[in-house]
C-alpha atoms as a PDB file:
ATOM      1  CA  UNK A   1     -17.923  -6.677 157.319  1.00  0.00           C
ATOM      2  CA  UNK A   2     -14.857  -5.922 159.874  1.00  0.00           C
ATOM      3  CA  UNK A   3     -11.843  -7.010 158.423  1.00  0.00           C
ATOM      4  CA  UNK A   4     -11.091  -8.962 162.108  1.00  0.00           C
ATOM      5  CA  UNK A   5     -14.806 -10.529 162.226  1.00  0.00           C
ATOM      6  CA  UNK A   6     -14.184 -11.772 158.756  1.00  0.00           C
ATOM      7  CA  UNK A   7     -10.988 -13.455 159.550  1.00  0.00           C
ATOM      8  CA  UNK A   8     -12.157 -14.948 163.341  1.00  0.00           C
ATOM      9  CA  UNK A   9     -15.322 -16.615 160.834  1.00  0.00           C
ATOM     10  CA  UNK A  10     -12.256 -17.708 158.525  1.00  0.00           C
ATOM     11  CA  UNK A  11     -10.416 -19.548 161.263  1.00  0.00           C
ATOM     12  CA  UNK A  12     -13.577 -21.467 162.701  1.00  0.00           C
ATOM     13  CA  UNK A  13     -14.840 -22.664 158.971  1.00  0.00           C
ATOM     14  CA  UNK A  14     -10.697 -23.868 158.197  1.00  0.00           C
ATOM     15  CA  UNK A  15     -10.715 -25.917 161.493  1.00  0.00           C
ATOM     16  CA  UNK A  16     -13.684 -27.814 160.672  1.00  0.00           C
ATOM     17  CA  UNK A  17     -11.149 -30.913 159.611  1.00  0.00           C
ATOM     18  CA  UNK A  18     -10.434 -31.054 162.628  1.00  0.00           C
ATOM     19  CA  UNK A  19     -13.007 -32.403 164.357  1.00  0.00           C
ATOM     20  CA  UNK A  20     -13.123 -34.663 160.650  1.00  0.00           C
ATOM     21  CA  UNK A  21      -9.802 -35.836 160.923  1.00  0.00           C
ATOM     22  CA  UNK A  22     -11.300 -36.759 164.773  1.00  0.00           C
ATOM     23  CA  UNK A  23     -13.731 -39.162 163.655  1.00  0.00           C
ATOM     24  CA  UNK A  24     -11.015 -40.354 160.962  1.00  0.00           C
ATOM     25  CA  UNK A  25      -8.786 -41.664 162.926  1.00  0.00           C
ATOM     26  CA  UNK A  26     -10.990 -43.277 164.958  1.00  0.00           C
ATOM     27  CA  UNK A  27     -13.168 -45.095 162.383  1.00  0.00           C
ATOM     28  CA  UNK A  28     -10.002 -46.649 160.926  1.00  0.00           C
ATOM     29  CA  UNK A  29      -8.522 -47.670 163.988  1.00  0.00           C
ATOM     30  CA  UNK A  30     -11.784 -48.511 165.132  1.00  0.00           C
ATOM     31  CA  UNK A  31     -12.389 -51.159 161.669  1.00  0.00           C
ATOM     32  CA  UNK A  32      -8.925 -52.447 162.048  1.00  0.00           C
ATOM     33  CA  UNK A  33      -8.696 -53.573 165.146  1.00  0.00           C
ATOM     34  CA  UNK A  34     -11.887 -55.109 164.491  1.00  0.00           C
ATOM     35  CA  UNK A  35     -10.904 -56.940 161.012  1.00  0.00           C
ATOM     36  CA  UNK A  36      -7.441 -58.034 163.532  1.00  0.00           C
ATOM     37  CA  UNK A  37      -9.774 -60.107 166.111  1.00  0.00           C
ATOM     38  CA  UNK A  38     -11.978 -61.714 163.106  1.00  0.00           C
ATOM     39  CA  UNK A  39      -8.552 -62.369 161.288  1.00  0.00           C
ATOM     40  CA  UNK A  40      -5.914 -62.507 163.053  1.00  0.00           C
ATOM     41  CA  UNK A  41      -2.967 -63.911 160.478  1.00  0.00           C
ATOM     42  CA  UNK A  42      -4.318 -61.114 158.304  1.00  0.00           C
ATOM     43  CA  UNK A  43      -3.449 -58.061 160.642  1.00  0.00           C
ATOM     44  CA  UNK A  44       0.018 -57.967 159.810  1.00  0.00           C
ATOM     45  CA  UNK A  45      -0.981 -57.629 156.221  1.00  0.00           C
ATOM     46  CA  UNK A  46      -3.145 -54.652 156.455  1.00  0.00           C
ATOM     47  CA  UNK A  47      -0.975 -52.581 159.240  1.00  0.00           C
ATOM     48  CA  UNK A  48       0.828 -51.137 156.196  1.00  0.00           C
ATOM     49  CA  UNK A  49      -2.578 -49.246 154.659  1.00  0.00           C
ATOM     50  CA  UNK A  50      -4.166 -49.411 158.311  1.00  0.00           C
ATOM     51  CA  UNK A  51      -0.293 -46.663 158.511  1.00  0.00           C
ATOM     52  CA  UNK A  52      -0.987 -44.987 155.301  1.00  0.00           C
ATOM     53  CA  UNK A  53      -4.430 -43.925 155.986  1.00  0.00           C
ATOM     54  CA  UNK A  54      -4.334 -42.853 159.849  1.00  0.00           C
ATOM     55  CA  UNK A  55      -1.065 -40.704 157.613  1.00  0.00           C
ATOM     56  CA  UNK A  56      -3.079 -38.971 155.632  1.00  0.00           C
ATOM     57  CA  UNK A  57      -6.016 -38.360 158.286  1.00  0.00           C
ATOM     58  CA  UNK A  58      -3.387 -36.894 160.351  1.00  0.00           C
ATOM     59  CA  UNK A  59      -2.641 -34.869 157.585  1.00  0.00           C
ATOM     60  CA  UNK A  60      -6.027 -32.928 156.687  1.00  0.00           C
ATOM     61  CA  UNK A  61      -6.319 -32.116 160.158  1.00  0.00           C
ATOM     62  CA  UNK A  62      -3.038 -30.400 160.505  1.00  0.00           C
ATOM     63  CA  UNK A  63      -3.958 -28.849 157.189  1.00  0.00           C
ATOM     64  CA  UNK A  64      -6.598 -27.423 159.054  1.00  0.00           C
ATOM     65  CA  UNK A  65      -5.462 -26.401 161.951  1.00  0.00           C
ATOM     66  CA  UNK A  66      -2.005 -24.345 160.192  1.00  0.00           C
ATOM     67  CA  UNK A  67      -4.732 -23.240 157.233  1.00  0.00           C
ATOM     68  CA  UNK A  68      -6.944 -21.621 161.259  1.00  0.00           C
ATOM     69  CA  UNK A  69      -3.257 -20.604 161.869  1.00  0.00           C
ATOM     70  CA  UNK A  70      -2.433 -18.464 158.807  1.00  0.00           C
ATOM     71  CA  UNK A  71      -5.533 -16.671 158.840  1.00  0.00           C
ATOM     72  CA  UNK A  72      -5.242 -15.650 162.758  1.00  0.00           C
ATOM     73  CA  UNK A  73      -1.782 -14.242 163.048  1.00  0.00           C
ATOM     74  CA  UNK A  74      -0.860 -13.663 159.771  1.00  0.00           C
ATOM     75  CA  UNK A  75      -3.314 -12.195 157.870  1.00  0.00           C
END
């Protein structure tokens, strides 16, 4: 296999977490809104957990993106 082809395949595989991050963020916010509409008084208490889940999910996607860019442009 050519090294250039292997680099492109590796970058494509490293970009898969971007799809997972999008699904995860949608799930996190959807479930938060679902719970907030059911019990509005508890929404403020759960907002910190919402932001933590968002940050960790977004970090996973960004990490996959950075690895893909490193594979494409550094190696």
